[in-house]
Amino acid sequence: MMPDPVAQLKDLLTKNCKIQKVQPAVFASDSEVNIVAVTLVCPDGAMHVVRAYREEAQGIREFIRTKT
């Protein structure tokens, strides 16, 4: 079972990681998005990619829009 992408993103953000890139852009139409990839860079230089598919993709995009 894959971990919840929103929970992964929250966890990385609490570790002071910064969102470097969101593909496709957050302001693109949600109706056309089936996958979202969020690239984060942490203070130790580590890079992480959180991927979300279908309904989770819409959830992670909404989280980024409202909570970051």
C-alpha atoms as a PDB file:
ATOM      1  CA  MET A   1       0.000   0.000   0.000  1.00  0.00           C
ATOM      2  CA  MET A   2       1.336   3.420  -0.951  1.00  0.00           C
ATOM      3  CA  PRO A   3       1.444   6.130   1.718  1.00  0.00           C
ATOM      4  CA  ASP A   4      -0.928   9.082   1.486  1.00  0.00           C
ATOM      5  CA  PRO A   5       0.750  11.733  -0.723  1.00  0.00           C
ATOM      6  CA  VAL A   6      -0.731  14.644   1.268  1.00  0.00           C
ATOM      7  CA  ALA A   7       0.646  13.130   4.502  1.00  0.00           C
ATOM      8  CA  GLN A   8       4.054  12.671   2.815  1.00  0.00           C
ATOM      9  CA  LEU A   9       4.031  16.303   1.695  1.00  0.00           C
ATOM     10  CA  LYS A  10       3.009  17.552   5.163  1.00  0.00           C
ATOM     11  CA  ASP A  11       5.768  15.477   6.759  1.00  0.00           C
ATOM     12  CA  LEU A  12       8.431  16.872   4.432  1.00  0.00           C
ATOM     13  CA  LEU A  13       7.201  20.442   4.920  1.00  0.00           C
ATOM     14  CA  THR A  14       7.402  20.046   8.729  1.00  0.00           C
ATOM     15  CA  LYS A  15      11.049  19.035   8.224  1.00  0.00           C
ATOM     16  CA  ASN A  16      11.614  22.472   6.620  1.00  0.00           C
ATOM     17  CA  CYS A  17      11.792  21.091   3.099  1.00  0.00           C
ATOM     18  CA  LYS A  18      10.778  23.569   0.401  1.00  0.00           C
ATOM     19  CA  ILE A  19       8.661  22.920  -2.669  1.00  0.00           C
ATOM     20  CA  GLN A  20      10.889  23.409  -5.692  1.00  0.00           C
ATOM     21  CA  LYS A  21       8.546  22.382  -8.502  1.00  0.00           C
ATOM     22  CA  VAL A  22       4.994  21.149  -9.068  1.00  0.00           C
ATOM     23  CA  GLN A  23       4.171  19.430 -12.351  1.00  0.00           C
ATOM     24  CA  PRO A  24       1.760  20.291 -13.861  1.00  0.00           C
ATOM     25  CA  ALA A  25       1.492  23.789 -12.457  1.00  0.00           C
ATOM     26  CA  VAL A  26      -0.939  24.202  -9.559  1.00  0.00           C
ATOM     27  CA  PHE A  27      -2.961  26.773 -11.445  1.00  0.00           C
ATOM     28  CA  ALA A  28      -3.654  24.447 -14.394  1.00  0.00           C
ATOM     29  CA  SER A  29      -7.152  23.034 -14.755  1.00  0.00           C
ATOM     30  CA  ASP A  30      -7.820  20.219 -12.256  1.00  0.00           C
ATOM     31  CA  SER A  31     -10.138  18.491 -14.715  1.00  0.00           C
ATOM     32  CA  GLU A  32      -7.185  17.527 -16.912  1.00  0.00           C
ATOM     33  CA  VAL A  33      -4.842  16.330 -14.165  1.00  0.00           C
ATOM     34  CA  ASN A  34      -4.417  12.610 -13.465  1.00  0.00           C
ATOM     35  CA  ILE A  35      -0.939  12.762 -11.944  1.00  0.00           C
ATOM     36  CA  VAL A  36       0.953  15.380  -9.963  1.00  0.00           C
ATOM     37  CA  ALA A  37       4.653  15.309  -9.095  1.00  0.00           C
ATOM     38  CA  VAL A  38       5.895  17.626  -6.342  1.00  0.00           C
ATOM     39  CA  THR A  39       9.666  18.026  -6.050  1.00  0.00           C
ATOM     40  CA  LEU A  40      10.986  19.167  -2.663  1.00  0.00           C
ATOM     41  CA  VAL A  41      14.477  20.106  -1.493  1.00  0.00           C
ATOM     42  CA  CYS A  42      15.383  19.650   2.160  1.00  0.00           C
ATOM     43  CA  PRO A  43      17.921  21.633   4.226  1.00  0.00           C
ATOM     44  CA  ASP A  44      20.378  18.703   4.081  1.00  0.00           C
ATOM     45  CA  GLY A  45      20.311  18.899   0.271  1.00  0.00           C
ATOM     46  CA  ALA A  46      18.194  15.779  -0.211  1.00  0.00           C
ATOM     47  CA  MET A  47      15.579  15.900  -2.959  1.00  0.00           C
ATOM     48  CA  HIS A  48      12.236  14.134  -2.659  1.00  0.00           C
ATOM     49  CA  VAL A  49       9.465  13.632  -5.201  1.00  0.00           C
ATOM     50  CA  VAL A  50       5.906  13.053  -4.003  1.00  0.00           C
ATOM     51  CA  ARG A  51       3.599  11.654  -6.682  1.00  0.00           C
ATOM     52  CA  ALA A  52      -0.175  11.600  -6.517  1.00  0.00           C
ATOM     53  CA  TYR A  53      -2.605   9.968  -8.913  1.00  0.00           C
ATOM     54  CA  ARG A  54      -6.266  10.679  -9.805  1.00  0.00           C
ATOM     55  CA  GLU A  55      -8.288  11.806  -6.752  1.00  0.00           C
ATOM     56  CA  GLU A  56      -5.115  12.126  -4.665  1.00  0.00           C
ATOM     57  CA  ALA A  57      -3.699  14.463  -7.315  1.00  0.00           C
ATOM     58  CA  GLN A  58      -6.610  16.838  -6.850  1.00  0.00           C
ATOM     59  CA  GLY A  59      -6.222  16.594  -3.066  1.00  0.00           C
ATOM     60  CA  ILE A  60      -2.518  17.406  -3.105  1.00  0.00           C
ATOM     61  CA  ARG A  61      -3.058  20.341  -5.476  1.00  0.00           C
ATOM     62  CA  GLU A  62      -5.791  21.706  -3.201  1.00  0.00           C
ATOM     63  CA  PHE A  63      -3.478  21.314  -0.192  1.00  0.00           C
ATOM     64  CA  ILE A  64      -0.711  23.271  -1.946  1.00  0.00           C
ATOM     65  CA  ARG A  65      -3.142  26.008  -2.967  1.00  0.00           C
ATOM     66  CA  THR A  66      -4.635  26.466   0.499  1.00  0.00           C
ATOM     67  CA  LYS A  67      -1.931  25.498   3.008  1.00  0.00           C
ATOM     68  CA  THR A  68       1.374  26.624   1.540  1.00  0.00           C
END
